[in-house]
């Protein structure tokens, strides 16, 4: 069983609780974890989930796969783009890689959804989009949907406990009165175990819950009682997500990238719908109070997860890499080769007199200054995308603005015709300029160029190509 997100909160729980039943393959990008078989029997395989060929290779030999990935935390020192666009790209990679590798079945952990699908928060809309991409492009898919997963080291748990522990009084905006359902991490692992073992459940969509329906306010009050604290309440009649994000992040010690999607999701009423899988785990579900007690008692796992996060942040910063992902309009009928061709032509015209884009007989692109004469960037086509209708990718192989690293950075165009969009992405780019020059100059120019190209593609979609 292969797990994307194997070192995360749910992935670690899953591997530990089902270690004696399944043989796990953990997909990881962290060099320290790439150590063959781990203590729990997990076989760690090095894999950059943003690389389609690496995903396919890492999934070879897996019978089933579990997808637990989100991109709310930074994967590079500089990340330009939002988590929804990156999650779209990651899901497409995983689905296509799993199908090519012969994986028979994929399980995806998404989020509980409200009864209506209108006006979903960006986080829940992204989770639903990922679900649809996995279903359309990959092997047979089973979807598990959960709200807050409670357990030692979990982000939702840490936020709840730290708010109660550190606040002298609690301002309760309207989002704290929305009804939701949580589940203990051990019960979530049991649900995965049921699906992995029983093919009659494959292909379904199942809401998960183990605790009664509560508001976040009720969770705060029950947690404060278990901790022996009395936290005075101050009701506030507005959602105030932006303001809440700031104070929740500051008080809980969690990054705003994690806090914001959680708070936005809590503006919806999220309750699990009855289903056969929920019936199987409900009778032995761990009560909410016990889940919180266990999280309070297990300081070691929480400390280990905090240490892992800090080490990853340090490694990301020292690598000085860049990821930039933008979703752009896709003119009807275009393939990836057409997008690449038009991008070079448009860029030359947009920077007339300053920049030109040349292509040689091998398909290598060179971005050149006209004066003084210099090659800014050189892009070499990857062998994995030249014949692909939906994808065109290049290694960033040279140029004044490039720093030679291994593995090299990449540029790719990925098409999603069913969504009417394409994703233009730069992965693991190592700037040749000093960081203090690059960040306020070249990085911002790239964003401007992508926005302008997006407007050009939108105009073509409306009016057709110019003569």
Protein backbone atom coordinates (compact mmCIF):
# COMPACT_ATOMS: atom_id res chain seq x y z
CA UNK A 1 0.00 0.00 0.00
CA UNK A 2 1.56 3.31 -1.09
CA UNK A 3 0.86 6.47 0.91
CA UNK A 4 1.31 10.02 -0.37
CA UNK A 5 1.53 12.09 2.80
CA UNK A 6 2.94 9.14 4.75
CA UNK A 7 4.90 11.25 7.24
CA UNK A 8 1.95 13.55 7.99
CA UNK A 9 -0.43 13.35 10.94
CA UNK A 10 -3.00 10.96 9.41
CA UNK A 11 -0.41 9.05 7.37
CA UNK A 12 1.71 8.32 10.45
CA UNK A 13 -1.36 7.13 12.37
CA UNK A 14 -2.45 4.95 9.47
CA UNK A 15 0.93 3.24 9.12
CA UNK A 16 1.26 2.67 12.86
CA UNK A 17 -2.24 1.26 13.44
CA UNK A 18 -2.28 -1.01 10.37
CA UNK A 19 1.41 -1.98 10.34
CA UNK A 20 0.73 -5.63 11.06
CA UNK A 21 -1.88 -5.91 8.32
CA UNK A 22 -0.44 -4.07 5.33
CA UNK A 23 3.03 -3.43 3.92
CA UNK A 24 3.46 0.30 3.46
CA UNK A 25 5.36 2.30 0.85
CA UNK A 26 5.88 5.87 2.04
CA UNK A 27 6.41 8.52 -0.63
CA UNK A 28 8.69 11.24 0.68
CA UNK A 29 10.78 14.08 -0.58
CA UNK A 30 12.80 14.48 2.62
CA UNK A 31 16.27 12.97 2.27
CA UNK A 32 16.41 11.91 5.92
CA UNK A 33 13.31 9.79 5.48
CA UNK A 34 14.63 8.14 2.31
CA UNK A 35 16.19 5.28 4.22
CA UNK A 36 14.71 2.07 2.81
CA UNK A 37 12.62 0.14 5.34
CA UNK A 38 11.83 2.13 8.49
CA UNK A 39 11.36 0.86 12.03
CA UNK A 40 7.65 0.25 11.44
CA UNK A 41 8.33 -1.67 8.22
CA UNK A 42 7.54 1.25 5.92
CA UNK A 43 9.56 1.24 2.71
CA UNK A 44 10.42 4.88 2.02
CA UNK A 45 10.75 5.92 -1.62
CA UNK A 46 12.06 9.28 -2.74
CA UNK A 47 9.43 11.13 -4.74
CA UNK A 48 8.70 14.72 -5.71
CA UNK A 49 4.92 14.71 -6.10
CA UNK A 50 5.17 17.69 -8.47
CA UNK A 51 7.04 15.41 -10.91
CA UNK A 52 4.79 13.07 -12.90
CA UNK A 53 7.61 10.66 -13.90
CA UNK A 54 8.78 10.38 -10.27
CA UNK A 55 5.24 9.67 -9.05
CA UNK A 56 4.81 6.90 -11.60
CA UNK A 57 8.17 5.34 -10.69
CA UNK A 58 7.56 5.54 -6.94
CA UNK A 59 4.16 3.82 -7.25
CA UNK A 60 5.52 0.82 -9.16
CA UNK A 61 4.58 -2.40 -7.38
CA UNK A 62 1.87 -0.84 -5.20
CA UNK A 63 -1.47 -2.64 -5.21
CA UNK A 64 -3.44 0.23 -3.65
CA UNK A 65 -2.60 3.85 -2.85
CA UNK A 66 -3.72 6.38 -0.27
CA UNK A 67 -3.74 10.10 -1.08
CA UNK A 68 -3.42 12.40 1.95
CA UNK A 69 -1.77 15.40 0.32
CA UNK A 70 -2.50 19.10 0.62
CA UNK A 71 -0.24 22.01 -0.26
CA UNK A 72 -1.19 24.57 2.38
CA UNK A 73 2.33 24.59 3.82
CA UNK A 74 5.21 26.02 1.73
CA UNK A 75 7.24 23.54 -0.34
CA UNK A 76 9.91 26.07 -1.38
CA UNK A 77 11.55 29.14 0.08
CA UNK A 78 9.37 31.27 -2.21
CA UNK A 79 5.95 30.01 -3.27
CA UNK A 80 3.95 32.07 -5.76
CA UNK A 81 0.42 30.80 -6.23
CA UNK A 82 -2.44 29.51 -4.14
CA UNK A 83 -2.90 26.08 -2.62
CA UNK A 84 -5.88 25.20 -4.84
CA UNK A 85 -3.84 25.48 -8.05
CA UNK A 86 -0.99 23.46 -6.58
CA UNK A 87 -3.39 20.81 -5.28
CA UNK A 88 -4.94 20.54 -8.75
CA UNK A 89 -1.52 19.83 -10.26
CA UNK A 90 -0.55 17.35 -7.53
CA UNK A 91 -3.80 15.42 -7.84
CA UNK A 92 -3.44 15.12 -11.62
CA UNK A 93 0.13 13.86 -11.20
CA UNK A 94 -0.93 11.27 -8.66
CA UNK A 95 -3.93 10.05 -10.62
CA UNK A 96 -2.01 9.67 -13.87
CA UNK A 97 1.03 8.19 -12.15
CA UNK A 98 -1.10 5.65 -10.30
CA UNK A 99 -2.88 4.57 -13.46
CA UNK A 100 0.40 4.23 -15.39
CA UNK A 101 1.99 2.25 -12.52
CA UNK A 102 -0.86 -0.28 -12.45
CA UNK A 103 -2.31 0.70 -9.06
CA UNK A 104 -5.71 -0.99 -8.73
CA UNK A 105 -7.40 1.38 -6.27
CA UNK A 106 -6.90 4.80 -4.67
CA UNK A 107 -8.35 6.12 -1.41
CA UNK A 108 -8.58 9.86 -0.92
CA UNK A 109 -9.21 11.72 2.32
CA UNK A 110 -11.16 14.91 1.61
CA UNK A 111 -13.27 17.18 3.77
CA UNK A 112 -16.88 17.02 4.92
CA UNK A 113 -19.09 19.09 2.64
CA UNK A 114 -22.25 21.05 3.43
CA UNK A 115 -25.55 19.82 2.02
CA UNK A 116 -25.47 22.53 -0.66
CA UNK A 117 -22.45 22.94 -2.94
CA UNK A 118 -22.87 26.69 -3.53
CA UNK A 119 -20.42 29.23 -2.12
CA UNK A 120 -18.00 26.65 -0.76
CA UNK A 121 -14.94 28.00 1.05
CA UNK A 122 -11.77 27.93 -1.10
CA UNK A 123 -10.47 25.01 0.97
CA UNK A 124 -13.58 22.84 0.56
CA UNK A 125 -13.94 23.77 -3.11
CA UNK A 126 -10.34 22.67 -3.65
CA UNK A 127 -10.90 19.38 -1.81
CA UNK A 128 -13.89 18.66 -4.07
CA UNK A 129 -11.90 19.58 -7.19
CA UNK A 130 -9.10 17.21 -6.15
CA UNK A 131 -11.67 14.47 -5.64
CA UNK A 132 -13.04 15.00 -9.15
CA UNK A 133 -9.58 15.03 -10.76
CA UNK A 134 -8.55 11.81 -9.00
CA UNK A 135 -11.77 10.16 -10.14
CA UNK A 136 -11.52 11.29 -13.75
CA UNK A 137 -7.84 10.62 -14.39
CA UNK A 138 -6.82 7.73 -12.15
CA UNK A 139 -7.72 4.20 -11.05
CA UNK A 140 -11.03 3.45 -9.26
CA UNK A 141 -11.40 5.90 -6.39
CA UNK A 142 -12.89 5.66 -2.91
CA UNK A 143 -13.48 8.98 -1.17
CA UNK A 144 -13.48 9.41 2.60
CA UNK A 145 -14.62 12.80 3.88
CA UNK A 146 -13.75 13.95 7.38
CA UNK A 147 -13.99 17.14 9.39
CA UNK A 148 -11.56 17.81 12.24
CA UNK A 149 -9.34 14.79 12.93
CA UNK A 150 -8.40 14.78 16.62
CA UNK A 151 -5.19 13.21 17.92
CA UNK A 152 -1.69 13.95 19.29
CA UNK A 153 0.27 16.17 16.91
CA UNK A 154 -2.66 17.03 14.67
CA UNK A 155 -2.95 20.63 13.51
CA UNK A 156 -6.64 20.94 14.43
CA UNK A 157 -5.99 19.44 17.85
CA UNK A 158 -2.99 21.64 18.52
CA UNK A 159 -4.93 24.75 17.55
CA UNK A 160 -7.85 23.87 19.84
CA UNK A 161 -5.69 23.00 22.85
CA UNK A 162 -3.38 26.00 22.49
CA UNK A 163 -6.29 28.42 22.22
CA UNK A 164 -7.73 27.11 25.48
CA UNK A 165 -4.33 26.97 27.18
CA UNK A 166 -3.14 30.47 26.24
CA UNK A 167 -6.17 32.76 26.01
CA UNK A 168 -7.27 34.68 29.12
CA UNK A 169 -10.67 35.21 27.44
CA UNK A 170 -12.25 33.92 24.25
CA UNK A 171 -13.82 36.19 21.61
CA UNK A 172 -16.25 33.93 19.75
CA UNK A 173 -17.07 35.08 16.18
CA UNK A 174 -20.01 33.62 14.32
CA UNK A 175 -17.94 30.81 12.77
CA UNK A 176 -17.55 29.26 16.24
CA UNK A 177 -21.33 28.61 16.25
CA UNK A 178 -21.39 26.54 13.04
CA UNK A 179 -22.13 22.87 13.64
CA UNK A 180 -19.47 20.32 12.71
CA UNK A 181 -18.36 16.76 13.45
CA UNK A 182 -14.90 15.54 14.35
CA UNK A 183 -13.33 12.08 14.51
CA UNK A 184 -10.50 10.49 16.46
CA UNK A 185 -7.41 9.73 14.35
CA UNK A 186 -7.62 6.06 15.38
CA UNK A 187 -11.16 5.79 14.05
CA UNK A 188 -10.09 7.43 10.79
CA UNK A 189 -7.35 4.79 10.51
CA UNK A 190 -9.93 2.04 11.15
CA UNK A 191 -12.06 3.42 8.31
CA UNK A 192 -9.10 3.22 5.95
CA UNK A 193 -8.47 -0.33 7.12
CA UNK A 194 -12.04 -1.34 6.33
CA UNK A 195 -11.83 0.07 2.79
CA UNK A 196 -8.40 -1.41 2.07
CA UNK A 197 -9.60 -4.86 3.08
CA UNK A 198 -13.12 -4.93 1.58
CA UNK A 199 -13.52 -4.48 -2.17
CA UNK A 200 -17.29 -4.13 -1.78
CA UNK A 201 -16.63 -0.64 -0.41
CA UNK A 202 -14.44 0.44 -3.33
CA UNK A 203 -15.73 3.25 -5.49
CA UNK A 204 -17.98 4.78 -2.83
CA UNK A 205 -17.98 8.14 -1.08
CA UNK A 206 -18.24 7.97 2.72
CA UNK A 207 -18.51 10.69 5.34
CA UNK A 208 -16.56 9.94 8.53
CA UNK A 209 -17.36 11.01 12.08
CA UNK A 210 -16.92 9.56 15.52
CA UNK A 211 -17.95 12.43 17.77
CA UNK A 212 -21.41 14.00 18.14
CA UNK A 213 -22.35 17.12 16.22
CA UNK A 214 -20.96 20.15 18.07
CA UNK A 215 -20.16 23.78 17.43
CA UNK A 216 -16.54 24.87 17.71
CA UNK A 217 -17.63 26.85 20.76
CA UNK A 218 -18.81 23.62 22.40
CA UNK A 219 -15.48 21.97 21.56
CA UNK A 220 -13.66 24.87 23.24
CA UNK A 221 -15.82 24.63 26.36
CA UNK A 222 -15.42 20.84 26.66
CA UNK A 223 -11.67 21.09 26.12
CA UNK A 224 -11.35 23.86 28.71
CA UNK A 225 -13.28 21.72 31.24
CA UNK A 226 -10.93 18.76 30.61
CA UNK A 227 -7.95 21.08 31.12
CA UNK A 228 -9.44 22.52 34.31
CA UNK A 229 -9.64 26.04 32.87
CA UNK A 230 -12.47 28.54 32.85
CA UNK A 231 -12.24 30.72 29.74
CA UNK A 232 -14.61 33.72 29.77
CA UNK A 233 -16.60 34.11 26.53
CA UNK A 234 -17.25 37.25 24.51
CA UNK A 235 -19.77 36.57 21.69
CA UNK A 236 -19.18 38.42 18.41
CA UNK A 237 -21.90 38.49 15.71
CA UNK A 238 -19.65 38.43 12.58
CA UNK A 239 -17.46 35.74 10.98
CA UNK A 240 -14.39 38.05 10.79
CA UNK A 241 -12.24 35.40 9.13
CA UNK A 242 -9.32 37.72 8.32
CA UNK A 243 -9.14 39.08 11.86
CA UNK A 244 -9.67 35.61 13.36
CA UNK A 245 -6.85 34.20 11.24
CA UNK A 246 -4.42 36.68 12.72
CA UNK A 247 -5.22 36.12 16.38
CA UNK A 248 -5.76 32.35 16.08
CA UNK A 249 -2.41 31.99 14.30
CA UNK A 250 -0.65 34.17 16.87
CA UNK A 251 -2.15 32.46 19.91
CA UNK A 252 -2.06 28.86 18.67
CA UNK A 253 1.47 29.10 17.24
CA UNK A 254 0.31 27.70 13.89
CA UNK A 255 0.99 29.19 10.47
CA UNK A 256 -1.69 31.32 8.86
CA UNK A 257 -1.54 29.01 5.81
CA UNK A 258 -3.02 26.22 7.94
CA UNK A 259 -5.33 28.32 10.10
CA UNK A 260 -7.11 30.18 7.31
CA UNK A 261 -8.53 27.16 5.41
CA UNK A 262 -9.70 25.59 8.67
CA UNK A 263 -11.52 28.75 9.77
CA UNK A 264 -13.11 29.23 6.34
CA UNK A 265 -14.38 25.64 6.39
CA UNK A 266 -15.96 26.19 9.81
CA UNK A 267 -18.23 28.86 8.35
CA UNK A 268 -20.25 25.96 6.85
CA UNK A 269 -22.39 23.46 8.79
CA UNK A 270 -20.51 20.19 8.31
CA UNK A 271 -22.25 16.99 9.41
CA UNK A 272 -21.61 13.42 8.28
CA UNK A 273 -24.35 11.71 6.29
CA UNK A 274 -25.26 8.11 7.25
CA UNK A 275 -23.44 5.45 5.23
CA UNK A 276 -22.36 1.78 5.54
CA UNK A 277 -18.74 2.57 6.43
CA UNK A 278 -19.78 4.97 9.17
CA UNK A 279 -21.97 2.20 10.62
CA UNK A 280 -18.94 -0.08 10.88
CA UNK A 281 -16.83 2.34 12.95
CA UNK A 282 -19.54 4.10 14.97
CA UNK A 283 -20.05 1.42 17.65
CA UNK A 284 -16.42 1.52 18.84
CA UNK A 285 -15.72 5.18 18.12
CA UNK A 286 -13.47 6.95 20.62
CA UNK A 287 -15.47 9.66 22.50
CA UNK A 288 -14.49 13.31 22.07
CA UNK A 289 -13.39 13.73 25.70
CA UNK A 290 -11.12 10.69 25.44
CA UNK A 291 -9.61 11.99 22.20
CA UNK A 292 -8.71 15.28 23.88
CA UNK A 293 -7.35 13.56 27.02
CA UNK A 294 -5.09 11.35 24.93
CA UNK A 295 -3.84 14.34 22.96
CA UNK A 296 -3.09 16.20 26.19
CA UNK A 297 -1.23 13.21 27.66
CA UNK A 298 0.90 12.47 24.59
CA UNK A 299 3.25 15.45 24.55
CA UNK A 300 6.03 13.37 22.95
CA UNK A 301 4.30 12.87 19.60
CA UNK A 302 3.28 16.53 19.46
CA UNK A 303 6.87 17.59 20.16
CA UNK A 304 8.20 15.20 17.49
CA UNK A 305 5.82 16.58 14.86
CA UNK A 306 6.74 20.16 15.79
CA UNK A 307 10.42 19.24 15.45
CA UNK A 308 9.82 17.66 12.05
CA UNK A 309 8.05 20.81 10.83
CA UNK A 310 10.94 23.00 11.98
CA UNK A 311 13.55 20.80 10.27
CA UNK A 312 11.61 20.89 7.02
CA UNK A 313 11.31 24.68 7.18
CA UNK A 314 15.08 25.01 7.70
CA UNK A 315 15.83 22.64 4.80
CA UNK A 316 13.46 24.53 2.50
CA UNK A 317 15.00 27.87 3.39
CA UNK A 318 18.59 26.73 2.91
CA UNK A 319 17.82 25.18 -0.51
CA UNK A 320 16.77 28.60 -1.92
CA UNK A 321 14.34 27.18 -4.46
CA UNK A 322 11.22 28.72 -6.00
CA UNK A 323 7.81 27.32 -6.91
CA UNK A 324 5.39 29.41 -8.95
CA UNK A 325 2.02 27.99 -10.03
CA UNK A 326 -0.65 29.98 -11.88
CA UNK A 327 -4.00 28.89 -13.29
CA UNK A 328 -4.70 30.54 -16.67
CA UNK A 329 -7.58 30.41 -19.17
CA UNK A 330 -7.35 27.75 -21.90
CA UNK A 331 -8.61 28.74 -25.36
CA UNK A 332 -10.92 26.05 -26.81
CA UNK A 333 -9.23 23.36 -28.89
CA UNK A 334 -5.66 24.16 -27.85
CA UNK A 335 -3.15 21.47 -26.92
CA UNK A 336 0.02 21.83 -24.84
CA UNK A 337 2.26 22.30 -27.88
CA UNK A 338 0.12 25.21 -29.03
CA UNK A 339 0.31 26.88 -25.62
CA UNK A 340 4.10 26.58 -25.58
CA UNK A 341 4.43 27.94 -29.11
CA UNK A 342 2.15 30.92 -28.48
CA UNK A 343 3.84 31.70 -25.15
CA UNK A 344 7.23 32.19 -26.84
CA UNK A 345 5.73 34.27 -29.66
CA UNK A 346 3.69 36.42 -27.27
CA UNK A 347 6.64 36.98 -24.94
CA UNK A 348 8.83 38.15 -27.82
CA UNK A 349 6.11 40.55 -28.97
CA UNK A 350 5.31 41.79 -25.44
CA UNK A 351 8.99 42.66 -24.81
CA UNK A 352 9.67 43.90 -28.35
CA UNK A 353 13.15 45.41 -28.60
CA UNK A 354 14.25 43.96 -25.26
CA UNK A 355 13.72 40.17 -25.28
CA UNK A 356 13.26 37.38 -27.79
CA UNK A 357 12.54 33.67 -27.45
CA UNK A 358 14.39 31.35 -29.88
CA UNK A 359 13.86 27.64 -30.50
CA UNK A 360 16.50 25.36 -32.04
CA UNK A 361 16.01 22.12 -33.95
CA UNK A 362 15.96 20.06 -30.74
CA UNK A 363 13.16 22.14 -29.26
CA UNK A 364 15.45 23.97 -26.79
CA UNK A 365 14.08 27.40 -25.88
CA UNK A 366 16.41 30.31 -25.14
CA UNK A 367 15.24 33.57 -23.64
CA UNK A 368 17.72 36.17 -24.87
CA UNK A 369 18.28 39.82 -24.19
CA UNK A 370 18.63 41.78 -27.43
CA UNK A 371 21.05 44.26 -25.85
CA UNK A 372 23.39 43.55 -24.27
CA UNK A 373 23.36 40.15 -25.93
CA UNK A 374 22.93 37.47 -23.25
CA UNK A 375 20.96 34.27 -22.64
CA UNK A 376 18.77 34.77 -19.59
CA UNK A 377 17.34 31.25 -19.44
CA UNK A 378 17.69 28.04 -21.43
CA UNK A 379 14.92 25.43 -21.34
CA UNK A 380 15.49 21.85 -22.55
CA UNK A 381 12.42 19.68 -23.29
CA UNK A 382 11.97 16.69 -20.99
CA UNK A 383 11.65 13.33 -22.74
CA UNK A 384 8.40 12.64 -20.88
CA UNK A 385 6.19 15.31 -22.42
CA UNK A 386 7.08 15.94 -26.06
CA UNK A 387 4.23 13.81 -27.42
CA UNK A 388 1.70 14.71 -24.72
CA UNK A 389 -1.42 16.65 -25.71
CA UNK A 390 -2.07 17.88 -22.19
CA UNK A 391 1.45 18.53 -20.90
CA UNK A 392 4.66 20.16 -22.09
CA UNK A 393 7.62 20.32 -19.70
CA UNK A 394 11.20 21.65 -19.79
CA UNK A 395 14.27 21.43 -17.59
CA UNK A 396 15.73 24.83 -16.70
CA UNK A 397 19.18 23.97 -17.99
CA UNK A 398 21.14 27.18 -18.37
CA UNK A 399 21.30 30.94 -18.67
CA UNK A 400 22.47 33.93 -16.65
CA UNK A 401 19.42 33.80 -14.35
CA UNK A 402 19.89 30.09 -13.59
CA UNK A 403 21.91 28.47 -10.80
CA UNK A 404 23.00 24.91 -11.59
CA UNK A 405 21.45 22.44 -9.12
CA UNK A 406 20.56 18.77 -9.03
CA UNK A 407 17.78 18.00 -9.76
CA UNK A 408 17.28 20.95 -12.11
CA UNK A 409 14.28 23.24 -11.96
CA UNK A 410 11.41 22.74 -14.41
CA UNK A 411 8.84 24.74 -16.34
CA UNK A 412 5.63 23.07 -17.44
CA UNK A 413 2.27 23.79 -19.01
CA UNK A 414 -0.47 21.38 -17.90
CA UNK A 415 -3.88 21.50 -19.57
CA UNK A 416 -7.26 20.80 -17.95
CA UNK A 417 -9.75 21.10 -20.85
CA UNK A 418 -12.62 19.80 -18.69
CA UNK A 419 -12.05 22.78 -16.38
CA UNK A 420 -11.36 25.27 -19.16
CA UNK A 421 -7.93 26.12 -17.76
CA UNK A 422 -4.23 25.40 -17.90
CA UNK A 423 -1.61 25.52 -15.16
CA UNK A 424 1.71 27.22 -15.85
CA UNK A 425 4.21 26.11 -13.23
CA UNK A 426 7.85 26.57 -12.29
CA UNK A 427 9.19 23.90 -9.93
CA UNK A 428 12.42 23.96 -7.90
CA UNK A 429 13.87 26.89 -9.77
CA UNK A 430 17.23 28.00 -8.33
CA UNK A 431 17.73 31.71 -9.11
CA UNK A 432 21.13 32.80 -10.37
CA UNK A 433 20.72 36.24 -8.82
CA UNK A 434 21.39 36.79 -5.13
CA UNK A 435 18.17 36.18 -3.19
CA UNK A 436 17.89 39.77 -1.97
CA UNK A 437 17.90 40.94 -5.60
CA UNK A 438 15.81 38.11 -7.04
CA UNK A 439 12.84 38.32 -4.66
CA UNK A 440 11.85 41.97 -5.28
CA UNK A 441 12.76 42.00 -8.99
CA UNK A 442 12.71 38.86 -11.15
CA UNK A 443 10.13 37.08 -8.99
CA UNK A 444 7.69 39.96 -9.33
CA UNK A 445 8.31 40.32 -13.05
CA UNK A 446 7.43 36.64 -13.51
CA UNK A 447 4.08 37.14 -11.77
CA UNK A 448 3.35 40.16 -13.97
CA UNK A 449 4.24 38.17 -17.11
CA UNK A 450 1.95 35.27 -16.13
CA UNK A 451 -0.94 37.62 -15.35
CA UNK A 452 -0.48 39.40 -18.69
CA UNK A 453 -0.30 36.07 -20.57
CA UNK A 454 -3.48 34.97 -18.81
CA UNK A 455 -5.27 38.12 -20.00
CA UNK A 456 -4.03 37.45 -23.54
CA UNK A 457 -5.34 33.87 -23.46
CA UNK A 458 -8.68 35.08 -22.10
CA UNK A 459 -8.98 37.57 -24.95
CA UNK A 460 -8.20 34.85 -27.50
CA UNK A 461 -10.87 32.65 -25.93
CA UNK A 462 -13.43 35.43 -26.39
CA UNK A 463 -12.37 36.94 -29.70
CA UNK A 464 -10.20 34.33 -31.44
CA UNK A 465 -6.55 34.66 -32.48
CA UNK A 466 -5.40 37.87 -34.14
CA UNK A 467 -4.57 37.77 -37.84
